[in-house]
Amino acid sequence: MGIPRLTRNEAAFVIGVPIAWAILLLFHPGGEGDSIYTDIQDSTTAMLAVHVGMLLFLPLFAIAIYLLLRDNETTAARIARWALIPFVVFYVAWESLQGIANAVLVDQANGLPEADRGVAAELIQDFAESPLVRDLGVLALLGSVALLVVGIATGIAIRDAGGPTWAPAVFGIAALLISAHPPPFGPVGLVIFAAAVIGVIRHRPAAETPDLRARPT
């Protein structure tokens, strides 16, 4: 089968997690990165909330994909499940370093006297552009590659197990957009992912329709 027989709660979880994550990402502060302090000086709370929230949604999203592939034993499904590990580990490490660290530093700079904020802004920019941070940017790259592997492999697994033929392309596009998480890309990718899950569920023959009734306790 393309996906496991999901209970009502499981289906709500698999569809609801990406939708909730998409809503959170709508609050991600914008900016070109040329002056991190200027970009987020008035939105440190939003910056911190979004990136702390991502530390929660990254593993939840991985669980949702695991449920989606729970009964799928194709080679592609196994690859997708294994790729979830580097996706979560590398993205969590990078979000902690960049998103959360920058929000905390800018918040601390906001508490300084006006005359000292310019120097603090330069130091924050130097931190973000330092060789150490640039080198650790490989974490973001590895996390993005792992997510792309997860998306494409998930689609192939679903297709090869009787799901729709469009699954690899749609799940792959969703993963690519999610990897560039600030809006509009991240939210759009997550909505596409949720819509694809709904499409996969509706694609199944009547005899294979998921049991969405709550399991007896």
N, C-alpha and C. Protein backbone atom coordinates (compact mmCIF):
# COMPACT_ATOMS: atom_id res chain seq x y z
N MET A 1 0.83 -1.19 0.00
CA MET A 1 0.00 0.00 0.00
C MET A 1 0.87 1.24 0.00
N GLY A 2 0.34 2.36 -0.45
CA GLY A 2 1.09 3.59 -0.53
C GLY A 2 1.38 4.19 0.82
N ILE A 3 0.41 4.15 1.73
CA ILE A 3 0.60 4.68 3.08
C ILE A 3 -0.07 3.72 4.06
N PRO A 4 0.25 3.79 5.34
CA PRO A 4 -0.38 2.90 6.31
C PRO A 4 -1.83 3.28 6.55
N ARG A 5 -2.54 2.40 7.20
CA ARG A 5 -3.92 2.70 7.56
C ARG A 5 -3.88 3.64 8.77
N LEU A 6 -4.08 4.91 8.53
CA LEU A 6 -3.99 5.91 9.58
C LEU A 6 -5.28 6.02 10.36
N THR A 7 -5.17 6.16 11.66
CA THR A 7 -6.34 6.50 12.46
C THR A 7 -6.66 7.97 12.22
N ARG A 8 -7.79 8.42 12.73
CA ARG A 8 -8.15 9.83 12.59
C ARG A 8 -7.09 10.73 13.21
N ASN A 9 -6.61 10.35 14.40
CA ASN A 9 -5.61 11.16 15.07
C ASN A 9 -4.28 11.17 14.32
N GLU A 10 -3.90 10.03 13.77
CA GLU A 10 -2.66 9.96 13.01
C GLU A 10 -2.73 10.80 11.75
N ALA A 11 -3.85 10.71 11.04
CA ALA A 11 -4.02 11.52 9.82
C ALA A 11 -3.98 13.00 10.16
N ALA A 12 -4.63 13.39 11.24
CA ALA A 12 -4.62 14.79 11.66
C ALA A 12 -3.20 15.24 12.00
N PHE A 13 -2.42 14.36 12.60
CA PHE A 13 -1.04 14.69 12.96
C PHE A 13 -0.18 14.87 11.71
N VAL A 14 -0.25 13.94 10.78
CA VAL A 14 0.58 13.98 9.57
C VAL A 14 0.27 15.21 8.72
N ILE A 15 -1.00 15.61 8.69
CA ILE A 15 -1.40 16.78 7.91
C ILE A 15 -1.25 18.05 8.73
N GLY A 16 -1.54 17.96 10.02
CA GLY A 16 -1.54 19.15 10.87
C GLY A 16 -0.17 19.69 11.19
N VAL A 17 0.83 18.82 11.34
CA VAL A 17 2.18 19.29 11.69
C VAL A 17 2.74 20.24 10.63
N PRO A 18 2.73 19.88 9.34
CA PRO A 18 3.27 20.82 8.35
C PRO A 18 2.45 22.11 8.26
N ILE A 19 1.14 22.02 8.45
CA ILE A 19 0.31 23.23 8.40
C ILE A 19 0.67 24.15 9.57
N ALA A 20 0.79 23.59 10.76
CA ALA A 20 1.14 24.40 11.93
C ALA A 20 2.54 24.99 11.79
N TRP A 21 3.47 24.22 11.25
CA TRP A 21 4.82 24.72 11.02
C TRP A 21 4.81 25.86 10.01
N ALA A 22 3.99 25.72 8.96
CA ALA A 22 3.88 26.77 7.94
C ALA A 22 3.39 28.07 8.56
N ILE A 23 2.41 27.97 9.46
CA ILE A 23 1.88 29.17 10.13
C ILE A 23 2.97 29.83 10.97
N LEU A 24 3.75 29.01 11.69
CA LEU A 24 4.85 29.56 12.49
C LEU A 24 5.85 30.31 11.62
N LEU A 25 6.20 29.75 10.47
CA LEU A 25 7.21 30.36 9.61
C LEU A 25 6.75 31.68 9.00
N LEU A 26 5.45 31.92 8.98
CA LEU A 26 4.95 33.20 8.48
C LEU A 26 5.44 34.37 9.33
N PHE A 27 5.83 34.07 10.57
CA PHE A 27 6.30 35.12 11.48
C PHE A 27 7.83 35.27 11.44
N HIS A 28 8.49 34.55 10.54
CA HIS A 28 9.94 34.64 10.42
C HIS A 28 10.32 36.03 9.90
N PRO A 29 11.15 36.77 10.64
CA PRO A 29 11.55 38.10 10.16
C PRO A 29 12.28 38.03 8.83
N GLY A 30 12.10 39.05 8.00
CA GLY A 30 12.75 39.10 6.70
C GLY A 30 14.09 39.81 6.79
N GLY A 31 14.65 40.15 5.63
CA GLY A 31 15.94 40.83 5.58
C GLY A 31 16.88 40.13 4.64
N GLU A 32 17.86 40.90 4.14
CA GLU A 32 18.82 40.36 3.19
C GLU A 32 20.05 39.77 3.87
N GLY A 33 20.21 39.99 5.18
CA GLY A 33 21.38 39.47 5.88
C GLY A 33 22.57 40.40 5.85
N ASP A 34 22.44 41.54 5.14
CA ASP A 34 23.55 42.49 5.08
C ASP A 34 23.79 43.16 6.43
N SER A 35 22.72 43.33 7.19
CA SER A 35 22.84 43.88 8.55
C SER A 35 21.86 43.13 9.44
N ILE A 36 22.35 42.10 10.07
CA ILE A 36 21.49 41.24 10.87
C ILE A 36 20.83 42.03 12.00
N TYR A 37 21.59 42.93 12.60
CA TYR A 37 21.02 43.71 13.70
C TYR A 37 19.83 44.53 13.21
N THR A 38 19.99 45.23 12.08
CA THR A 38 18.89 46.04 11.54
C THR A 38 17.71 45.18 11.14
N ASP A 39 18.00 44.01 10.58
CA ASP A 39 16.94 43.13 10.11
C ASP A 39 16.01 42.68 11.23
N ILE A 40 16.57 42.40 12.42
CA ILE A 40 15.74 41.78 13.47
C ILE A 40 15.69 42.56 14.77
N GLN A 41 16.22 43.81 14.78
CA GLN A 41 16.27 44.53 16.04
C GLN A 41 14.89 44.79 16.64
N ASP A 42 13.87 44.89 15.78
CA ASP A 42 12.51 45.13 16.28
C ASP A 42 11.67 43.86 16.32
N SER A 43 12.28 42.73 16.04
CA SER A 43 11.51 41.48 15.99
C SER A 43 12.29 40.32 16.61
N THR A 44 13.03 40.60 17.68
CA THR A 44 13.81 39.54 18.31
C THR A 44 12.91 38.46 18.92
N THR A 45 11.76 38.89 19.45
CA THR A 45 10.84 37.90 20.03
C THR A 45 10.34 36.94 18.97
N ALA A 46 9.95 37.49 17.81
CA ALA A 46 9.48 36.64 16.72
C ALA A 46 10.59 35.73 16.22
N MET A 47 11.79 36.27 16.08
CA MET A 47 12.94 35.48 15.61
C MET A 47 13.22 34.33 16.56
N LEU A 48 13.20 34.61 17.85
CA LEU A 48 13.48 33.58 18.84
C LEU A 48 12.35 32.55 18.87
N ALA A 49 11.10 33.02 18.82
CA ALA A 49 9.96 32.10 18.86
C ALA A 49 9.95 31.17 17.66
N VAL A 50 10.25 31.72 16.47
CA VAL A 50 10.24 30.90 15.27
C VAL A 50 11.30 29.82 15.33
N HIS A 51 12.51 30.20 15.75
CA HIS A 51 13.60 29.23 15.72
C HIS A 51 13.57 28.25 16.89
N VAL A 52 13.07 28.67 18.03
CA VAL A 52 12.84 27.70 19.11
C VAL A 52 11.72 26.75 18.69
N GLY A 53 10.68 27.32 18.04
CA GLY A 53 9.59 26.48 17.54
C GLY A 53 10.07 25.46 16.53
N MET A 54 11.06 25.86 15.70
CA MET A 54 11.59 24.92 14.72
C MET A 54 12.27 23.73 15.38
N LEU A 55 12.87 23.96 16.55
CA LEU A 55 13.48 22.84 17.27
C LEU A 55 12.43 21.81 17.67
N LEU A 56 11.18 22.25 17.82
CA LEU A 56 10.07 21.34 18.11
C LEU A 56 9.52 20.73 16.82
N PHE A 57 9.34 21.56 15.79
CA PHE A 57 8.69 21.07 14.58
C PHE A 57 9.58 20.17 13.73
N LEU A 58 10.89 20.33 13.79
CA LEU A 58 11.76 19.46 13.01
C LEU A 58 11.58 17.98 13.38
N PRO A 59 11.66 17.61 14.66
CA PRO A 59 11.41 16.19 14.99
C PRO A 59 9.95 15.78 14.78
N LEU A 60 9.00 16.70 15.00
CA LEU A 60 7.60 16.36 14.75
C LEU A 60 7.36 16.06 13.27
N PHE A 61 7.99 16.85 12.42
CA PHE A 61 7.87 16.62 10.97
C PHE A 61 8.47 15.28 10.60
N ALA A 62 9.60 14.94 11.22
CA ALA A 62 10.23 13.64 10.96
C ALA A 62 9.30 12.50 11.39
N ILE A 63 8.64 12.67 12.53
CA ILE A 63 7.69 11.65 12.99
C ILE A 63 6.52 11.51 12.01
N ALA A 64 6.05 12.64 11.49
CA ALA A 64 4.95 12.62 10.53
C ALA A 64 5.34 11.82 9.29
N ILE A 65 6.56 12.03 8.79
CA ILE A 65 7.01 11.29 7.62
C ILE A 65 7.18 9.81 7.96
N TYR A 66 7.66 9.53 9.15
CA TYR A 66 7.81 8.13 9.57
C TYR A 66 6.44 7.43 9.58
N LEU A 67 5.42 8.11 10.09
CA LEU A 67 4.07 7.54 10.09
C LEU A 67 3.58 7.33 8.67
N LEU A 68 3.91 8.27 7.80
CA LEU A 68 3.48 8.18 6.40
C LEU A 68 4.07 6.94 5.72
N LEU A 69 5.27 6.56 6.16
CA LEU A 69 5.96 5.42 5.55
C LEU A 69 6.00 4.19 6.44
N ARG A 70 5.19 4.21 7.50
CA ARG A 70 5.28 3.19 8.54
C ARG A 70 5.21 1.76 8.01
N ASP A 71 4.27 1.48 7.13
CA ASP A 71 4.08 0.12 6.62
C ASP A 71 4.70 -0.06 5.23
N ASN A 72 5.49 0.88 4.80
CA ASN A 72 6.09 0.84 3.47
C ASN A 72 7.50 0.27 3.60
N GLU A 73 7.74 -0.87 2.99
CA GLU A 73 9.04 -1.55 3.12
C GLU A 73 9.82 -1.52 1.82
N THR A 74 9.54 -0.57 0.93
CA THR A 74 10.33 -0.44 -0.28
C THR A 74 11.71 0.11 0.07
N THR A 75 12.66 -0.04 -0.86
CA THR A 75 14.01 0.47 -0.63
C THR A 75 13.98 1.98 -0.43
N ALA A 76 13.16 2.66 -1.22
CA ALA A 76 13.08 4.12 -1.11
C ALA A 76 12.57 4.54 0.27
N ALA A 77 11.63 3.80 0.82
CA ALA A 77 11.11 4.12 2.15
C ALA A 77 12.20 3.97 3.21
N ARG A 78 13.02 2.94 3.08
CA ARG A 78 14.11 2.76 4.04
C ARG A 78 15.12 3.91 3.94
N ILE A 79 15.41 4.33 2.70
CA ILE A 79 16.33 5.46 2.52
C ILE A 79 15.76 6.72 3.15
N ALA A 80 14.47 6.95 2.93
CA ALA A 80 13.82 8.14 3.50
C ALA A 80 13.88 8.12 5.02
N ARG A 81 13.61 6.97 5.62
CA ARG A 81 13.62 6.89 7.08
C ARG A 81 15.02 7.15 7.63
N TRP A 82 16.05 6.60 6.99
CA TRP A 82 17.42 6.82 7.46
C TRP A 82 17.84 8.28 7.26
N ALA A 83 17.40 8.90 6.17
CA ALA A 83 17.77 10.29 5.88
C ALA A 83 17.12 11.26 6.86
N LEU A 84 16.07 10.83 7.55
CA LEU A 84 15.44 11.69 8.55
C LEU A 84 16.41 12.04 9.68
N ILE A 85 17.33 11.12 9.98
CA ILE A 85 18.26 11.34 11.10
C ILE A 85 19.20 12.53 10.83
N PRO A 86 19.96 12.54 9.72
CA PRO A 86 20.81 13.71 9.47
C PRO A 86 20.01 14.99 9.25
N PHE A 87 18.82 14.87 8.66
CA PHE A 87 17.98 16.05 8.48
C PHE A 87 17.71 16.74 9.81
N VAL A 88 17.24 15.98 10.79
CA VAL A 88 16.90 16.57 12.09
C VAL A 88 18.16 17.04 12.82
N VAL A 89 19.20 16.21 12.85
CA VAL A 89 20.41 16.54 13.62
C VAL A 89 21.08 17.79 13.07
N PHE A 90 21.29 17.85 11.76
CA PHE A 90 22.02 18.98 11.18
C PHE A 90 21.20 20.26 11.21
N TYR A 91 19.89 20.14 10.98
CA TYR A 91 19.07 21.35 10.99
C TYR A 91 18.92 21.91 12.40
N VAL A 92 18.77 21.05 13.37
CA VAL A 92 18.67 21.52 14.75
C VAL A 92 19.96 22.24 15.15
N ALA A 93 21.12 21.67 14.78
CA ALA A 93 22.39 22.30 15.12
C ALA A 93 22.52 23.66 14.46
N TRP A 94 22.15 23.75 13.20
CA TRP A 94 22.29 25.03 12.48
C TRP A 94 21.31 26.07 12.99
N GLU A 95 20.07 25.69 13.24
CA GLU A 95 19.08 26.65 13.73
C GLU A 95 19.48 27.19 15.10
N SER A 96 20.08 26.34 15.93
CA SER A 96 20.54 26.79 17.24
C SER A 96 21.66 27.81 17.09
N LEU A 97 22.58 27.53 16.16
CA LEU A 97 23.73 28.41 15.97
C LEU A 97 23.32 29.75 15.39
N GLN A 98 22.54 29.72 14.32
CA GLN A 98 22.23 30.94 13.59
C GLN A 98 20.98 31.65 14.12
N GLY A 99 19.84 31.00 14.02
CA GLY A 99 18.59 31.66 14.38
C GLY A 99 18.52 32.08 15.84
N ILE A 100 18.73 31.13 16.73
CA ILE A 100 18.60 31.42 18.17
C ILE A 100 19.74 32.30 18.64
N ALA A 101 20.98 31.99 18.24
CA ALA A 101 22.13 32.78 18.68
C ALA A 101 22.01 34.23 18.24
N ASN A 102 21.63 34.46 16.99
CA ASN A 102 21.50 35.83 16.50
C ASN A 102 20.39 36.59 17.22
N ALA A 103 19.28 35.91 17.49
CA ALA A 103 18.18 36.57 18.21
C ALA A 103 18.62 36.99 19.61
N VAL A 104 19.35 36.12 20.28
CA VAL A 104 19.81 36.44 21.63
C VAL A 104 20.82 37.59 21.60
N LEU A 105 21.75 37.56 20.65
CA LEU A 105 22.76 38.61 20.55
C LEU A 105 22.12 39.97 20.25
N VAL A 106 21.17 39.99 19.33
CA VAL A 106 20.51 41.25 18.98
C VAL A 106 19.69 41.76 20.16
N ASP A 107 19.03 40.86 20.87
CA ASP A 107 18.26 41.28 22.04
C ASP A 107 19.18 41.91 23.09
N GLN A 108 20.36 41.32 23.28
CA GLN A 108 21.31 41.89 24.24
C GLN A 108 21.80 43.26 23.76
N ALA A 109 22.02 43.40 22.46
CA ALA A 109 22.46 44.68 21.91
C ALA A 109 21.40 45.76 22.08
N ASN A 110 20.13 45.37 22.00
CA ASN A 110 19.05 46.33 22.19
C ASN A 110 19.07 46.94 23.59
N GLY A 111 19.63 46.20 24.55
CA GLY A 111 19.67 46.69 25.92
C GLY A 111 20.85 47.61 26.21
N LEU A 112 21.71 47.80 25.24
CA LEU A 112 22.87 48.67 25.42
C LEU A 112 22.49 50.13 25.19
N PRO A 113 23.28 51.05 25.70
CA PRO A 113 23.06 52.47 25.39
C PRO A 113 23.14 52.70 23.88
N GLU A 114 22.41 53.68 23.40
CA GLU A 114 22.34 53.97 21.96
C GLU A 114 23.73 54.10 21.34
N ALA A 115 24.64 54.74 22.05
CA ALA A 115 25.98 54.98 21.49
C ALA A 115 26.76 53.69 21.27
N ASP A 116 26.42 52.64 21.99
CA ASP A 116 27.16 51.39 21.89
C ASP A 116 26.54 50.40 20.91
N ARG A 117 25.35 50.69 20.42
CA ARG A 117 24.65 49.71 19.59
C ARG A 117 25.30 49.53 18.22
N GLY A 118 25.91 50.59 17.70
CA GLY A 118 26.57 50.46 16.40
C GLY A 118 27.72 49.47 16.46
N VAL A 119 28.51 49.55 17.52
CA VAL A 119 29.62 48.62 17.69
C VAL A 119 29.08 47.20 17.87
N ALA A 120 28.01 47.07 18.66
CA ALA A 120 27.42 45.74 18.88
C ALA A 120 26.90 45.16 17.57
N ALA A 121 26.28 46.01 16.74
CA ALA A 121 25.76 45.55 15.45
C ALA A 121 26.89 45.02 14.58
N GLU A 122 28.04 45.71 14.59
CA GLU A 122 29.18 45.26 13.81
C GLU A 122 29.71 43.93 14.32
N LEU A 123 29.73 43.76 15.64
CA LEU A 123 30.21 42.51 16.21
C LEU A 123 29.28 41.35 15.86
N ILE A 124 27.97 41.61 15.88
CA ILE A 124 27.01 40.56 15.52
C ILE A 124 27.19 40.16 14.06
N GLN A 125 27.39 41.14 13.19
CA GLN A 125 27.61 40.85 11.77
C GLN A 125 28.91 40.09 11.58
N ASP A 126 29.93 40.48 12.33
CA ASP A 126 31.22 39.76 12.24
C ASP A 126 31.06 38.32 12.68
N PHE A 127 30.25 38.10 13.73
CA PHE A 127 30.00 36.73 14.18
C PHE A 127 29.31 35.92 13.08
N ALA A 128 28.28 36.51 12.47
CA ALA A 128 27.52 35.79 11.44
C ALA A 128 28.36 35.49 10.21
N GLU A 129 29.35 36.35 9.94
CA GLU A 129 30.18 36.19 8.74
C GLU A 129 31.56 35.61 9.07
N SER A 130 31.74 35.18 10.29
CA SER A 130 33.04 34.66 10.70
C SER A 130 33.34 33.34 9.99
N PRO A 131 34.63 33.02 9.80
CA PRO A 131 34.99 31.76 9.15
C PRO A 131 34.38 30.54 9.85
N LEU A 132 34.31 30.59 11.18
CA LEU A 132 33.75 29.46 11.92
C LEU A 132 32.30 29.22 11.54
N VAL A 133 31.50 30.31 11.53
CA VAL A 133 30.09 30.17 11.19
C VAL A 133 29.92 29.78 9.73
N ARG A 134 30.74 30.38 8.85
CA ARG A 134 30.65 30.02 7.44
C ARG A 134 30.98 28.55 7.25
N ASP A 135 32.02 28.07 7.95
CA ASP A 135 32.38 26.65 7.82
C ASP A 135 31.28 25.76 8.37
N LEU A 136 30.67 26.19 9.46
CA LEU A 136 29.58 25.39 10.03
C LEU A 136 28.31 25.48 9.19
N GLY A 137 28.32 26.39 8.22
CA GLY A 137 27.18 26.46 7.30
C GLY A 137 26.99 25.17 6.53
N VAL A 138 28.02 24.31 6.54
CA VAL A 138 27.89 23.00 5.92
C VAL A 138 26.77 22.20 6.59
N LEU A 139 26.49 22.51 7.87
CA LEU A 139 25.39 21.83 8.57
C LEU A 139 24.06 22.11 7.88
N ALA A 140 23.87 23.39 7.50
CA ALA A 140 22.64 23.75 6.80
C ALA A 140 22.57 23.05 5.45
N LEU A 141 23.71 22.97 4.76
CA LEU A 141 23.74 22.30 3.46
C LEU A 141 23.43 20.82 3.61
N LEU A 142 24.07 20.18 4.59
CA LEU A 142 23.81 18.74 4.81
C LEU A 142 22.36 18.49 5.20
N GLY A 143 21.81 19.39 6.05
CA GLY A 143 20.41 19.24 6.43
C GLY A 143 19.48 19.39 5.24
N SER A 144 19.80 20.34 4.35
CA SER A 144 18.97 20.57 3.16
C SER A 144 19.04 19.37 2.21
N VAL A 145 20.27 18.85 2.02
CA VAL A 145 20.42 17.68 1.14
C VAL A 145 19.66 16.48 1.71
N ALA A 146 19.78 16.29 3.02
CA ALA A 146 19.07 15.18 3.66
C ALA A 146 17.56 15.33 3.51
N LEU A 147 17.06 16.56 3.66
CA LEU A 147 15.62 16.79 3.50
C LEU A 147 15.18 16.52 2.07
N LEU A 148 16.01 16.94 1.09
CA LEU A 148 15.67 16.67 -0.30
C LEU A 148 15.63 15.17 -0.58
N VAL A 149 16.58 14.44 -0.01
CA VAL A 149 16.57 12.98 -0.15
C VAL A 149 15.31 12.40 0.47
N VAL A 150 14.95 12.90 1.66
CA VAL A 150 13.73 12.43 2.33
C VAL A 150 12.51 12.67 1.44
N GLY A 151 12.40 13.88 0.89
CA GLY A 151 11.23 14.21 0.08
C GLY A 151 11.11 13.35 -1.16
N ILE A 152 12.19 13.26 -1.92
CA ILE A 152 12.15 12.47 -3.16
C ILE A 152 11.96 10.99 -2.86
N ALA A 153 12.69 10.47 -1.88
CA ALA A 153 12.56 9.05 -1.54
C ALA A 153 11.17 8.72 -1.02
N THR A 154 10.59 9.65 -0.25
CA THR A 154 9.21 9.43 0.24
C THR A 154 8.25 9.33 -0.93
N GLY A 155 8.40 10.23 -1.89
CA GLY A 155 7.52 10.19 -3.06
C GLY A 155 7.69 8.92 -3.86
N ILE A 156 8.95 8.49 -4.06
CA ILE A 156 9.21 7.26 -4.81
C ILE A 156 8.62 6.05 -4.07
N ALA A 157 8.81 6.04 -2.75
CA ALA A 157 8.28 4.92 -1.95
C ALA A 157 6.76 4.82 -2.07
N ILE A 158 6.11 5.99 -2.00
CA ILE A 158 4.65 6.00 -2.11
C ILE A 158 4.20 5.56 -3.50
N ARG A 159 4.89 6.09 -4.54
CA ARG A 159 4.55 5.69 -5.92
C ARG A 159 4.76 4.20 -6.14
N ASP A 160 5.92 3.68 -5.70
CA ASP A 160 6.23 2.27 -5.93
C ASP A 160 5.33 1.33 -5.15
N ALA A 161 4.70 1.85 -4.10
CA ALA A 161 3.81 1.01 -3.31
C ALA A 161 2.35 1.19 -3.73
N GLY A 162 2.14 1.76 -4.90
CA GLY A 162 0.78 1.88 -5.41
C GLY A 162 0.18 3.27 -5.32
N GLY A 163 0.97 4.24 -4.90
CA GLY A 163 0.48 5.61 -4.79
C GLY A 163 0.51 6.32 -6.13
N PRO A 164 0.18 7.60 -6.16
CA PRO A 164 0.12 8.36 -7.41
C PRO A 164 1.50 8.56 -8.03
N THR A 165 1.53 8.66 -9.36
CA THR A 165 2.80 8.80 -10.08
C THR A 165 3.44 10.17 -9.86
N TRP A 166 2.63 11.16 -9.44
CA TRP A 166 3.19 12.50 -9.24
C TRP A 166 3.91 12.64 -7.89
N ALA A 167 3.84 11.65 -7.05
CA ALA A 167 4.36 11.77 -5.68
C ALA A 167 5.84 12.17 -5.62
N PRO A 168 6.76 11.54 -6.38
CA PRO A 168 8.18 11.93 -6.25
C PRO A 168 8.43 13.40 -6.57
N ALA A 169 7.81 13.90 -7.64
CA ALA A 169 8.02 15.29 -8.04
C ALA A 169 7.45 16.26 -7.00
N VAL A 170 6.23 15.99 -6.54
CA VAL A 170 5.57 16.92 -5.62
C VAL A 170 6.25 16.91 -4.25
N PHE A 171 6.54 15.75 -3.72
CA PHE A 171 7.23 15.70 -2.42
C PHE A 171 8.65 16.26 -2.53
N GLY A 172 9.30 16.07 -3.67
CA GLY A 172 10.63 16.63 -3.87
C GLY A 172 10.59 18.15 -3.91
N ILE A 173 9.63 18.72 -4.64
CA ILE A 173 9.48 20.18 -4.69
C ILE A 173 9.17 20.73 -3.31
N ALA A 174 8.28 20.06 -2.57
CA ALA A 174 7.94 20.50 -1.22
C ALA A 174 9.18 20.53 -0.33
N ALA A 175 10.01 19.49 -0.40
CA ALA A 175 11.23 19.42 0.42
C ALA A 175 12.20 20.54 0.05
N LEU A 176 12.34 20.81 -1.25
CA LEU A 176 13.25 21.87 -1.70
C LEU A 176 12.82 23.23 -1.15
N LEU A 177 11.52 23.50 -1.18
CA LEU A 177 11.00 24.77 -0.67
C LEU A 177 11.14 24.85 0.85
N ILE A 178 10.88 23.76 1.53
CA ILE A 178 10.97 23.75 3.00
C ILE A 178 12.41 24.02 3.44
N SER A 179 13.38 23.53 2.67
CA SER A 179 14.78 23.72 3.06
C SER A 179 15.16 25.19 3.08
N ALA A 180 14.49 26.02 2.26
CA ALA A 180 14.68 27.48 2.32
C ALA A 180 13.54 28.03 3.15
N HIS A 181 13.62 27.87 4.48
CA HIS A 181 12.43 27.96 5.33
C HIS A 181 11.80 29.32 5.50
N PRO A 182 12.51 30.48 5.36
CA PRO A 182 11.80 31.75 5.53
C PRO A 182 10.71 31.90 4.48
N PRO A 183 9.64 32.68 4.79
CA PRO A 183 8.57 32.85 3.83
C PRO A 183 9.05 33.62 2.60
N PRO A 184 8.47 33.34 1.42
CA PRO A 184 7.30 32.48 1.22
C PRO A 184 7.63 31.01 1.01
N PHE A 185 8.92 30.69 0.85
CA PHE A 185 9.30 29.35 0.41
C PHE A 185 8.90 28.26 1.39
N GLY A 186 9.32 28.39 2.66
CA GLY A 186 9.02 27.36 3.65
C GLY A 186 7.53 27.10 3.82
N PRO A 187 6.72 28.15 4.08
CA PRO A 187 5.28 27.92 4.23
C PRO A 187 4.64 27.29 3.00
N VAL A 188 5.04 27.73 1.80
CA VAL A 188 4.48 27.16 0.57
C VAL A 188 4.84 25.68 0.47
N GLY A 189 6.10 25.35 0.74
CA GLY A 189 6.52 23.95 0.68
C GLY A 189 5.77 23.07 1.65
N LEU A 190 5.54 23.58 2.86
CA LEU A 190 4.83 22.79 3.87
C LEU A 190 3.37 22.58 3.51
N VAL A 191 2.75 23.61 2.92
CA VAL A 191 1.37 23.46 2.47
C VAL A 191 1.30 22.46 1.33
N ILE A 192 2.27 22.50 0.42
CA ILE A 192 2.31 21.53 -0.68
C ILE A 192 2.46 20.12 -0.12
N PHE A 193 3.30 19.96 0.89
CA PHE A 193 3.49 18.64 1.51
C PHE A 193 2.17 18.14 2.10
N ALA A 194 1.48 19.00 2.86
CA ALA A 194 0.21 18.59 3.47
C ALA A 194 -0.82 18.25 2.40
N ALA A 195 -0.88 19.06 1.33
CA ALA A 195 -1.83 18.79 0.25
C ALA A 195 -1.50 17.47 -0.45
N ALA A 196 -0.19 17.18 -0.59
CA ALA A 196 0.23 15.93 -1.22
C ALA A 196 -0.20 14.73 -0.39
N VAL A 197 -0.09 14.86 0.94
CA VAL A 197 -0.53 13.76 1.81
C VAL A 197 -2.03 13.51 1.63
N ILE A 198 -2.80 14.60 1.59
CA ILE A 198 -4.24 14.45 1.37
C ILE A 198 -4.50 13.78 0.02
N GLY A 199 -3.74 14.20 -1.01
CA GLY A 199 -3.90 13.59 -2.33
C GLY A 199 -3.56 12.12 -2.34
N VAL A 200 -2.55 11.73 -1.60
CA VAL A 200 -2.17 10.31 -1.52
C VAL A 200 -3.27 9.51 -0.84
N ILE A 201 -3.83 10.06 0.23
CA ILE A 201 -4.92 9.36 0.93
C ILE A 201 -6.13 9.19 0.01
N ARG A 202 -6.47 10.23 -0.71
CA ARG A 202 -7.64 10.18 -1.61
C ARG A 202 -7.37 9.30 -2.82
N HIS A 203 -6.11 9.09 -3.17
CA HIS A 203 -5.76 8.29 -4.34
C HIS A 203 -6.04 6.82 -4.14
N ARG A 204 -6.01 6.38 -2.91
CA ARG A 204 -6.13 4.95 -2.64
C ARG A 204 -7.49 4.43 -3.06
N PRO A 205 -7.54 3.20 -3.63
CA PRO A 205 -8.82 2.59 -3.99
C PRO A 205 -9.73 2.49 -2.79
N ALA A 206 -11.02 2.40 -3.05
CA ALA A 206 -12.00 2.34 -1.96
C ALA A 206 -11.69 1.23 -0.97
N ALA A 207 -11.21 0.09 -1.51
CA ALA A 207 -10.90 -1.04 -0.62
C ALA A 207 -9.71 -0.75 0.27
N GLU A 208 -8.91 0.25 -0.15
CA GLU A 208 -7.72 0.58 0.62
C GLU A 208 -7.86 1.90 1.36
N THR A 209 -9.07 2.46 1.43
CA THR A 209 -9.27 3.74 2.10
C THR A 209 -8.84 3.66 3.55
N PRO A 210 -8.04 4.63 4.04
CA PRO A 210 -7.56 4.57 5.42
C PRO A 210 -8.70 4.56 6.42
N ASP A 211 -8.52 3.82 7.48
CA ASP A 211 -9.48 3.79 8.57
C ASP A 211 -9.24 5.00 9.47
N LEU A 212 -10.04 6.06 9.28
CA LEU A 212 -9.85 7.28 10.04
C LEU A 212 -10.65 7.28 11.32
N ARG A 213 -11.29 6.18 11.63
CA ARG A 213 -12.01 6.12 12.90
C ARG A 213 -11.03 5.97 14.05
N ALA A 214 -11.31 6.66 15.12
CA ALA A 214 -10.42 6.58 16.29
C ALA A 214 -10.41 5.14 16.81
N ARG A 215 -9.24 4.67 17.10
CA ARG A 215 -9.14 3.30 17.62
C ARG A 215 -9.71 3.26 19.04
N PRO A 216 -10.37 2.17 19.37
CA PRO A 216 -10.92 2.07 20.73
C PRO A 216 -9.82 2.09 21.75
N THR A 217 -10.07 2.75 22.85
CA THR A 217 -9.09 2.83 23.94
C THR A 217 -9.22 1.63 24.85
